PDB file of all heavy atoms in Angstrom:
ATOM      1  N   GLU A   1     248.268  56.568  -1.349  1.00  0.00           N
ATOM      2  CA  GLU A   1     247.636  57.468  -0.390  1.00  0.00           C
ATOM      3  C   GLU A   1     246.189  57.714  -0.777  1.00  0.00           C
ATOM      4  O   GLU A   1     245.884  57.937  -1.958  1.00  0.00           O
ATOM      5  CB  GLU A   1     248.388  58.795  -0.317  1.00  0.00           C
ATOM      6  CG  GLU A   1     249.744  58.706   0.360  1.00  0.00           C
ATOM      7  CD  GLU A   1     250.378  60.074   0.547  1.00  0.00           C
ATOM      8  OE1 GLU A   1     249.909  61.033  -0.112  1.00  0.00           O
ATOM      9  OE2 GLU A   1     251.331  60.192   1.329  1.00  0.00           O
ATOM     10  N   GLY A   2     245.294  57.678   0.195  1.00  0.00           N
ATOM     11  CA  GLY A   2     243.890  57.975  -0.051  1.00  0.00           C
ATOM     12  C   GLY A   2     243.303  57.094  -1.142  1.00  0.00           C
ATOM     13  O   GLY A   2     243.411  55.868  -1.109  1.00  0.00           O
ATOM     14  N   ASP A   3     242.688  57.748  -2.127  1.00  0.00           N
ATOM     15  CA  ASP A   3     242.066  57.028  -3.238  1.00  0.00           C
ATOM     16  C   ASP A   3     242.942  56.981  -4.484  1.00  0.00           C
ATOM     17  O   ASP A   3     242.465  56.671  -5.581  1.00  0.00           O
ATOM     18  CB  ASP A   3     240.722  57.695  -3.594  1.00  0.00           C
ATOM     19  CG  ASP A   3     239.664  57.462  -2.522  1.00  0.00           C
ATOM     20  OD1 ASP A   3     239.775  56.451  -1.795  1.00  0.00           O
ATOM     21  OD2 ASP A   3     238.734  58.292  -2.419  1.00  0.00           O
ATOM     22  N   GLU A   4     244.246  57.272  -4.331  1.00  0.00           N
ATOM     23  CA  GLU A   4     245.131  57.279  -5.495  1.00  0.00           C
ATOM     24  C   GLU A   4     245.266  55.896  -6.128  1.00  0.00           C
ATOM     25  O   GLU A   4     245.614  55.766  -7.303  1.00  0.00           O
ATOM     26  CB  GLU A   4     246.512  57.809  -5.111  1.00  0.00           C
ATOM     27  CG  GLU A   4     246.523  59.310  -4.825  1.00  0.00           C
ATOM     28  CD  GLU A   4     247.915  59.798  -4.453  1.00  0.00           C
ATOM     29  OE1 GLU A   4     248.861  58.972  -4.486  1.00  0.00           O
ATOM     30  OE2 GLU A   4     248.056  60.993  -4.128  1.00  0.00           O
ATOM     31  N   GLY A   5     244.983  54.862  -5.336  1.00  0.00           N
ATOM     32  CA  GLY A   5     245.095  53.509  -5.862  1.00  0.00           C
ATOM     33  C   GLY A   5     243.812  52.988  -6.485  1.00  0.00           C
ATOM     34  O   GLY A   5     243.737  51.818  -6.860  1.00  0.00           O
ATOM     35  N   LYS A   6     242.809  53.826  -6.609  1.00  0.00           N
ATOM     36  CA  LYS A   6     241.516  53.386  -7.119  1.00  0.00           C
ATOM     37  C   LYS A   6     241.613  53.064  -8.609  1.00  0.00           C
ATOM     38  O   LYS A   6     242.095  53.861  -9.407  1.00  0.00           O
ATOM     39  CB  LYS A   6     240.467  54.471  -6.879  1.00  0.00           C
ATOM     40  CG  LYS A   6     239.034  53.987  -7.005  1.00  0.00           C
ATOM     41  CD  LYS A   6     238.053  55.063  -6.534  1.00  0.00           C
ATOM     42  CE  LYS A   6     236.625  54.568  -6.603  1.00  0.00           C
ATOM     43  NZ  LYS A   6     235.663  55.599  -6.128  1.00  0.00           N
ATOM     44  N   ILE A   7     241.107  51.882  -8.984  1.00  0.00           N
ATOM     45  CA  ILE A   7     241.175  51.430 -10.367  1.00  0.00           C
ATOM     46  C   ILE A   7     240.112  50.362 -10.605  1.00  0.00           C
ATOM     47  O   ILE A   7     239.728  49.639  -9.690  1.00  0.00           O
ATOM     48  CB  ILE A   7     242.586  50.864 -10.674  1.00  0.00           C
ATOM     49  CG1 ILE A   7     242.723  50.510 -12.159  1.00  0.00           C
ATOM     50  CG2 ILE A   7     242.918  49.688  -9.790  1.00  0.00           C
ATOM     51  CD1 ILE A   7     244.140  50.096 -12.554  1.00  0.00           C
ATOM     52  N   ARG A   8     239.617  50.274 -11.830  1.00  0.00           N
ATOM     53  CA  ARG A   8     238.651  49.221 -12.161  1.00  0.00           C
ATOM     54  C   ARG A   8     239.367  47.871 -12.227  1.00  0.00           C
ATOM     55  O   ARG A   8     240.485  47.772 -12.727  1.00  0.00           O
ATOM     56  CB  ARG A   8     237.970  49.521 -13.490  1.00  0.00           C
ATOM     57  CG  ARG A   8     237.007  50.702 -13.435  1.00  0.00           C
ATOM     58  CD  ARG A   8     236.289  50.915 -14.754  1.00  0.00           C
ATOM     59  NE  ARG A   8     237.231  51.197 -15.843  1.00  0.00           N
ATOM     60  CZ  ARG A   8     236.867  51.540 -17.066  1.00  0.00           C
ATOM     61  NH1 ARG A   8     235.585  51.628 -17.385  1.00  0.00           N
ATOM     62  NH2 ARG A   8     237.775  51.784 -17.995  1.00  0.00           N
ATOM     63  N   LEU A   9     238.686  46.842 -11.747  1.00  0.00           N
ATOM     64  CA  LEU A   9     239.288  45.506 -11.720  1.00  0.00           C
ATOM     65  C   LEU A   9     239.732  45.050 -13.100  1.00  0.00           C
ATOM     66  O   LEU A   9     240.797  44.458 -13.262  1.00  0.00           O
ATOM     67  CB  LEU A   9     238.290  44.493 -11.137  1.00  0.00           C
ATOM     68  CG  LEU A   9     238.010  44.611  -9.642  1.00  0.00           C
ATOM     69  CD1 LEU A   9     236.805  43.755  -9.273  1.00  0.00           C
ATOM     70  CD2 LEU A   9     239.230  44.173  -8.843  1.00  0.00           C
ATOM     71  N   GLY A  10     238.918  45.316 -14.094  1.00  0.00           N
ATOM     72  CA  GLY A  10     239.241  44.876 -15.444  1.00  0.00           C
ATOM     73  C   GLY A  10     240.422  45.581 -16.068  1.00  0.00           C
ATOM     74  O   GLY A  10     240.941  45.143 -17.103  1.00  0.00           O
ATOM     75  N   ASP A  11     240.862  46.679 -15.445  1.00  0.00           N
ATOM     76  CA  ASP A  11     241.995  47.429 -15.980  1.00  0.00           C
ATOM     77  C   ASP A  11     243.327  47.021 -15.361  1.00  0.00           C
ATOM     78  O   ASP A  11     244.369  47.566 -15.727  1.00  0.00           O
ATOM     79  CB  ASP A  11     241.782  48.938 -15.746  1.00  0.00           C
ATOM     80  CG  ASP A  11     240.649  49.500 -16.589  1.00  0.00           C
ATOM     81  OD1 ASP A  11     240.370  48.922 -17.657  1.00  0.00           O
ATOM     82  OD2 ASP A  11     240.031  50.496 -16.168  1.00  0.00           O
ATOM     83  N   ILE A  12     243.307  46.082 -14.416  1.00  0.00           N
ATOM     84  CA  ILE A  12     244.549  45.678 -13.754  1.00  0.00           C
ATOM     85  C   ILE A  12     245.190  44.530 -14.527  1.00  0.00           C
ATOM     86  O   ILE A  12     244.760  43.384 -14.444  1.00  0.00           O
ATOM     87  CB  ILE A  12     244.319  45.258 -12.292  1.00  0.00           C
ATOM     88  CG1 ILE A  12     243.475  46.287 -11.538  1.00  0.00           C
ATOM     89  CG2 ILE A  12     245.666  45.082 -11.596  1.00  0.00           C
ATOM     90  CD1 ILE A  12     243.161  45.915 -10.112  1.00  0.00           C
ATOM     91  N   ILE A  13     246.220  44.865 -15.283  1.00  0.00           N
ATOM     92  CA  ILE A  13     246.990  43.868 -16.026  1.00  0.00           C
ATOM     93  C   ILE A  13     248.084  43.341 -15.101  1.00  0.00           C
ATOM     94  O   ILE A  13     248.698  44.108 -14.353  1.00  0.00           O
ATOM     95  CB  ILE A  13     247.650  44.480 -17.280  1.00  0.00           C
ATOM     96  CG1 ILE A  13     246.661  45.386 -18.029  1.00  0.00           C
ATOM     97  CG2 ILE A  13     248.216  43.404 -18.175  1.00  0.00           C
ATOM     98  CD1 ILE A  13     245.415  44.710 -18.491  1.00  0.00           C
ATOM     99  N   CYS A  14     248.355  42.026 -15.144  1.00  0.00           N
ATOM    100  CA  CYS A  14     249.346  41.442 -14.247  1.00  0.00           C
ATOM    101  C   CYS A  14     250.083  40.312 -14.952  1.00  0.00           C
ATOM    102  O   CYS A  14     249.504  39.617 -15.797  1.00  0.00           O
ATOM    103  CB  CYS A  14     248.650  40.918 -12.978  1.00  0.00           C
ATOM    104  SG  CYS A  14     249.767  40.242 -11.744  1.00  0.00           S
ATOM    105  N   VAL A  15     251.327  40.112 -14.580  1.00  0.00           N
ATOM    106  CA  VAL A  15     252.133  39.046 -15.185  1.00  0.00           C
ATOM    107  C   VAL A  15     251.746  37.660 -14.673  1.00  0.00           C
ATOM    108  O   VAL A  15     252.186  36.647 -15.229  1.00  0.00           O
ATOM    109  CB  VAL A  15     253.636  39.277 -14.899  1.00  0.00           C
ATOM    110  CG1 VAL A  15     254.134  40.542 -15.563  1.00  0.00           C
ATOM    111  CG2 VAL A  15     253.905  39.308 -13.393  1.00  0.00           C
ATOM    112  N   ASP A  16     250.925  37.578 -13.641  1.00  0.00           N
ATOM    113  CA  ASP A  16     250.669  36.301 -12.967  1.00  0.00           C
ATOM    114  C   ASP A  16     249.993  35.256 -13.851  1.00  0.00           C
ATOM    115  O   ASP A  16     250.061  34.060 -13.561  1.00  0.00           O
ATOM    116  CB  ASP A  16     249.817  36.529 -11.720  1.00  0.00           C
ATOM    117  CG  ASP A  16     250.593  37.197 -10.600  1.00  0.00           C
ATOM    118  OD1 ASP A  16     251.744  37.618 -10.861  1.00  0.00           O
ATOM    119  OD2 ASP A  16     250.070  37.312  -9.481  1.00  0.00           O
ATOM    120  N   ALA A  17     249.330  35.682 -14.924  1.00  0.00           N
ATOM    121  CA  ALA A  17     248.649  34.727 -15.801  1.00  0.00           C
ATOM    122  C   ALA A  17     249.622  33.744 -16.448  1.00  0.00           C
ATOM    123  O   ALA A  17     249.225  32.648 -16.853  1.00  0.00           O
ATOM    124  CB  ALA A  17     247.861  35.465 -16.879  1.00  0.00           C
ATOM    125  N   LEU A  18     250.917  34.107 -16.528  1.00  0.00           N
ATOM    126  CA  LEU A  18     251.899  33.188 -17.096  1.00  0.00           C
ATOM    127  C   LEU A  18     252.010  31.909 -16.267  1.00  0.00           C
ATOM    128  O   LEU A  18     252.470  30.874 -16.768  1.00  0.00           O
ATOM    129  CB  LEU A  18     253.268  33.861 -17.188  1.00  0.00           C
ATOM    130  CG  LEU A  18     253.387  35.064 -18.133  1.00  0.00           C
ATOM    131  CD1 LEU A  18     254.819  35.554 -18.182  1.00  0.00           C
ATOM    132  CD2 LEU A  18     252.904  34.707 -19.538  1.00  0.00           C
ATOM    133  N   ALA A  19     251.571  31.956 -15.008  1.00  0.00           N
ATOM    134  CA  ALA A  19     251.604  30.767 -14.154  1.00  0.00           C
ATOM    135  C   ALA A  19     250.682  29.672 -14.685  1.00  0.00           C
ATOM    136  O   ALA A  19     250.899  28.483 -14.410  1.00  0.00           O
ATOM    137  CB  ALA A  19     251.209  31.128 -12.723  1.00  0.00           C
ATOM    138  N   LEU A  20     249.660  30.047 -15.427  1.00  0.00           N
ATOM    139  CA  LEU A  20     248.755  29.049 -16.009  1.00  0.00           C
ATOM    140  C   LEU A  20     249.493  28.148 -17.000  1.00  0.00           C
ATOM    141  O   LEU A  20     249.163  26.974 -17.154  1.00  0.00           O
ATOM    142  CB  LEU A  20     247.575  29.734 -16.694  1.00  0.00           C
ATOM    143  CG  LEU A  20     246.691  30.608 -15.804  1.00  0.00           C
ATOM    144  CD1 LEU A  20     245.639  31.330 -16.636  1.00  0.00           C
ATOM    145  CD2 LEU A  20     246.028  29.780 -14.704  1.00  0.00           C
ATOM    146  N   VAL A  21     250.521  28.718 -17.643  1.00  0.00           N
ATOM    147  CA  VAL A  21     251.375  27.932 -18.536  1.00  0.00           C
ATOM    148  C   VAL A  21     252.465  27.236 -17.730  1.00  0.00           C
ATOM    149  O   VAL A  21     252.751  26.052 -17.921  1.00  0.00           O
ATOM    150  CB  VAL A  21     251.992  28.824 -19.622  1.00  0.00           C
ATOM    151  CG1 VAL A  21     252.962  28.035 -20.498  1.00  0.00           C
ATOM    152  CG2 VAL A  21     250.899  29.462 -20.474  1.00  0.00           C
ATOM    153  N   ARG A  22     253.068  27.952 -16.813  1.00  0.00           N
ATOM    154  CA  ARG A  22     254.173  27.407 -16.012  1.00  0.00           C
ATOM    155  C   ARG A  22     253.784  26.123 -15.291  1.00  0.00           C
ATOM    156  O   ARG A  22     254.558  25.171 -15.209  1.00  0.00           O
ATOM    157  CB  ARG A  22     254.621  28.462 -15.002  1.00  0.00           C
ATOM    158  CG  ARG A  22     255.862  28.079 -14.194  1.00  0.00           C
ATOM    159  CD  ARG A  22     256.152  29.129 -13.137  1.00  0.00           C
ATOM    160  NE  ARG A  22     257.397  28.862 -12.432  1.00  0.00           N
ATOM    161  CZ  ARG A  22     258.479  29.607 -12.482  1.00  0.00           C
ATOM    162  NH1 ARG A  22     258.481  30.688 -13.244  1.00  0.00           N
ATOM    163  NH2 ARG A  22     259.562  29.299 -11.786  1.00  0.00           N
ATOM    164  N   PHE A  23     252.553  26.071 -14.767  1.00  0.00           N
ATOM    165  CA  PHE A  23     252.109  24.897 -14.021  1.00  0.00           C
ATOM    166  C   PHE A  23     251.347  23.896 -14.891  1.00  0.00           C
ATOM    167  O   PHE A  23     250.828  22.903 -14.377  1.00  0.00           O
ATOM    168  CB  PHE A  23     251.248  25.326 -12.829  1.00  0.00           C
ATOM    169  CG  PHE A  23     252.045  25.953 -11.720  1.00  0.00           C
ATOM    170  CD1 PHE A  23     252.067  27.336 -11.554  1.00  0.00           C
ATOM    171  CD2 PHE A  23     252.788  25.177 -10.845  1.00  0.00           C
ATOM    172  CE1 PHE A  23     252.806  27.922 -10.541  1.00  0.00           C
ATOM    173  CE2 PHE A  23     253.531  25.756  -9.824  1.00  0.00           C
ATOM    174  CZ  PHE A  23     253.543  27.135  -9.668  1.00  0.00           C
ATOM    175  N   GLY A  24     251.271  24.166 -16.213  1.00  0.00           N
ATOM    176  CA  GLY A  24     250.746  23.175 -17.128  1.00  0.00           C
ATOM    177  C   GLY A  24     249.245  23.156 -17.319  1.00  0.00           C
ATOM    178  O   GLY A  24     248.700  22.196 -17.867  1.00  0.00           O
ATOM    179  N   LEU A  25     248.554  24.230 -16.925  1.00  0.00           N
ATOM    180  CA  LEU A  25     247.102  24.255 -17.077  1.00  0.00           C
ATOM    181  C   LEU A  25     246.653  24.724 -18.457  1.00  0.00           C
ATOM    182  O   LEU A  25     245.573  24.352 -18.921  1.00  0.00           O
ATOM    183  CB  LEU A  25     246.477  25.166 -16.006  1.00  0.00           C
ATOM    184  CG  LEU A  25     246.263  24.551 -14.628  1.00  0.00           C
ATOM    185  CD1 LEU A  25     247.596  24.182 -13.969  1.00  0.00           C
ATOM    186  CD2 LEU A  25     245.508  25.517 -13.729  1.00  0.00           C
ATOM    187  N   ARG A  26     247.465  25.560 -19.086  1.00  0.00           N
ATOM    188  CA  ARG A  26     247.151  26.077 -20.408  1.00  0.00           C
ATOM    189  C   ARG A  26     248.389  25.971 -21.287  1.00  0.00           C
ATOM    190  O   ARG A  26     249.514  26.109 -20.812  1.00  0.00           O
ATOM    191  CB  ARG A  26     246.680  27.548 -20.344  1.00  0.00           C
ATOM    192  CG  ARG A  26     245.426  27.787 -19.519  1.00  0.00           C
ATOM    193  CD  ARG A  26     244.197  27.202 -20.164  1.00  0.00           C
ATOM    194  NE  ARG A  26     242.984  27.470 -19.393  1.00  0.00           N
ATOM    195  CZ  ARG A  26     242.531  26.689 -18.415  1.00  0.00           C
ATOM    196  NH1 ARG A  26     243.195  25.594 -18.079  1.00  0.00           N
ATOM    197  NH2 ARG A  26     241.414  27.001 -17.770  1.00  0.00           N
ATOM    198  N   ALA A  27     248.155  25.755 -22.579  1.00  0.00           N
ATOM    199  CA  ALA A  27     249.259  25.708 -23.536  1.00  0.00           C
ATOM    200  C   ALA A  27     249.808  27.114 -23.754  1.00  0.00           C
ATOM    201  O   ALA A  27     249.080  28.110 -23.623  1.00  0.00           O
ATOM    202  CB  ALA A  27     248.786  25.121 -24.854  1.00  0.00           C
ATOM    203  N   ALA A  28     251.078  27.189 -24.086  1.00  0.00           N
ATOM    204  CA  ALA A  28     251.703  28.495 -24.327  1.00  0.00           C
ATOM    205  C   ALA A  28     251.054  29.223 -25.488  1.00  0.00           C
ATOM    206  O   ALA A  28     251.075  30.457 -25.546  1.00  0.00           O
ATOM    207  CB  ALA A  28     253.198  28.318 -24.581  1.00  0.00           C
ATOM    208  N   ASP A  29     250.476  28.466 -26.429  1.00  0.00           N
ATOM    209  CA  ASP A  29     249.835  29.094 -27.594  1.00  0.00           C
ATOM    210  C   ASP A  29     248.311  29.129 -27.481  1.00  0.00           C
ATOM    211  O   ASP A  29     247.620  29.351 -28.478  1.00  0.00           O
ATOM    212  CB  ASP A  29     250.239  28.384 -28.884  1.00  0.00           C
ATOM    213  CG  ASP A  29     249.831  26.908 -28.899  1.00  0.00           C
ATOM    214  OD1 ASP A  29     249.333  26.410 -27.873  1.00  0.00           O
ATOM    215  OD2 ASP A  29     250.030  26.257 -29.945  1.00  0.00           O
ATOM    216  N   ASP A  30     247.793  28.914 -26.284  1.00  0.00           N
ATOM    217  CA  ASP A  30     246.356  29.063 -26.059  1.00  0.00           C
ATOM    218  C   ASP A  30     245.967  30.511 -26.405  1.00  0.00           C
ATOM    219  O   ASP A  30     246.649  31.459 -25.989  1.00  0.00           O
ATOM    220  CB  ASP A  30     246.035  28.765 -24.589  1.00  0.00           C
ATOM    221  CG  ASP A  30     244.555  28.842 -24.268  1.00  0.00           C
ATOM    222  OD1 ASP A  30     243.982  29.958 -24.361  1.00  0.00           O
ATOM    223  OD2 ASP A  30     243.956  27.822 -23.909  1.00  0.00           O
ATOM    224  N   PRO A  31     244.902  30.724 -27.174  1.00  0.00           N
ATOM    225  CA  PRO A  31     244.524  32.090 -27.577  1.00  0.00           C
ATOM    226  C   PRO A  31     244.350  33.049 -26.393  1.00  0.00           C
ATOM    227  O   PRO A  31     244.730  34.229 -26.490  1.00  0.00           O
ATOM    228  CB  PRO A  31     243.202  31.882 -28.328  1.00  0.00           C
ATOM    229  CG  PRO A  31     243.285  30.491 -28.859  1.00  0.00           C
ATOM    230  CD  PRO A  31     244.029  29.702 -27.812  1.00  0.00           C
ATOM    231  N   HIS A  32     243.786  32.556 -25.283  1.00  0.00           N
ATOM    232  CA  HIS A  32     243.626  33.425 -24.105  1.00  0.00           C
ATOM    233  C   HIS A  32     244.991  33.856 -23.554  1.00  0.00           C
ATOM    234  O   HIS A  32     245.163  34.998 -23.114  1.00  0.00           O
ATOM    235  CB  HIS A  32     242.854  32.692 -23.003  1.00  0.00           C
ATOM    236  CG  HIS A  32     241.431  32.386 -23.356  1.00  0.00           C
ATOM    237  ND1 HIS A  32     241.004  31.130 -23.699  1.00  0.00           N
ATOM    238  CD2 HIS A  32     240.337  33.180 -23.424  1.00  0.00           C
ATOM    239  CE1 HIS A  32     239.707  31.151 -23.950  1.00  0.00           C
ATOM    240  NE2 HIS A  32     239.278  32.391 -23.799  1.00  0.00           N
ATOM    241  N   ILE A  33     245.945  32.940 -23.578  1.00  0.00           N
ATOM    242  CA  ILE A  33     247.287  33.249 -23.100  1.00  0.00           C
ATOM    243  C   ILE A  33     247.982  34.218 -24.042  1.00  0.00           C
ATOM    244  O   ILE A  33     248.589  35.214 -23.611  1.00  0.00           O
ATOM    245  CB  ILE A  33     248.124  31.953 -22.952  1.00  0.00           C
ATOM    246  CG1 ILE A  33     247.558  31.067 -21.830  1.00  0.00           C
ATOM    247  CG2 ILE A  33     249.596  32.285 -22.694  1.00  0.00           C
ATOM    248  CD1 ILE A  33     247.690  31.627 -20.437  1.00  0.00           C
ATOM    249  N   LEU A  34     247.918  33.956 -25.345  1.00  0.00           N
ATOM    250  CA  LEU A  34     248.569  34.834 -26.318  1.00  0.00           C
ATOM    251  C   LEU A  34     248.020  36.254 -26.228  1.00  0.00           C
ATOM    252  O   LEU A  34     248.774  37.237 -26.316  1.00  0.00           O
ATOM    253  CB  LEU A  34     248.388  34.278 -27.734  1.00  0.00           C
ATOM    254  CG  LEU A  34     249.120  32.961 -28.037  1.00  0.00           C
ATOM    255  CD1 LEU A  34     248.786  32.486 -29.450  1.00  0.00           C
ATOM    256  CD2 LEU A  34     250.635  33.127 -27.881  1.00  0.00           C
ATOM    257  N   ASN A  35     246.695  36.379 -26.057  1.00  0.00           N
ATOM    258  CA  ASN A  35     246.093  37.708 -25.881  1.00  0.00           C
ATOM    259  C   ASN A  35     246.658  38.403 -24.651  1.00  0.00           C
ATOM    260  O   ASN A  35     246.993  39.594 -24.677  1.00  0.00           O
ATOM    261  CB  ASN A  35     244.579  37.578 -25.740  1.00  0.00           C
ATOM    262  CG  ASN A  35     243.890  37.257 -27.057  1.00  0.00           C
ATOM    263  OD1 ASN A  35     244.474  37.376 -28.123  1.00  0.00           O
ATOM    264  ND2 ASN A  35     242.635  36.841 -26.975  1.00  0.00           N
ATOM    265  N   THR A  36     246.754  37.641 -23.565  1.00  0.00           N
ATOM    266  CA  THR A  36     247.223  38.222 -22.311  1.00  0.00           C
ATOM    267  C   THR A  36     248.684  38.630 -22.397  1.00  0.00           C
ATOM    268  O   THR A  36     249.065  39.701 -21.907  1.00  0.00           O
ATOM    269  CB  THR A  36     247.011  37.218 -21.155  1.00  0.00           C
ATOM    270  OG1 THR A  36     245.641  36.819 -21.114  1.00  0.00           O
ATOM    271  CG2 THR A  36     247.397  37.843 -19.819  1.00  0.00           C
ATOM    272  N   VAL A  37     249.513  37.806 -23.030  1.00  0.00           N
ATOM    273  CA  VAL A  37     250.930  38.147 -23.201  1.00  0.00           C
ATOM    274  C   VAL A  37     251.067  39.443 -23.997  1.00  0.00           C
ATOM    275  O   VAL A  37     251.904  40.299 -23.675  1.00  0.00           O
ATOM    276  CB  VAL A  37     251.681  36.991 -23.899  1.00  0.00           C
ATOM    277  CG1 VAL A  37     253.074  37.441 -24.348  1.00  0.00           C
ATOM    278  CG2 VAL A  37     251.800  35.793 -22.962  1.00  0.00           C
TER     279      VAL A  37
END
């Protein structure tokens, strides 16, 4: 409701980054992936 959903873009954590591994673009042990997990 209203502005209750207001948030900085950089603060939105999401599980979707795991797709980078699922589809073979990044290794499961890629440092960027491990940080995100």
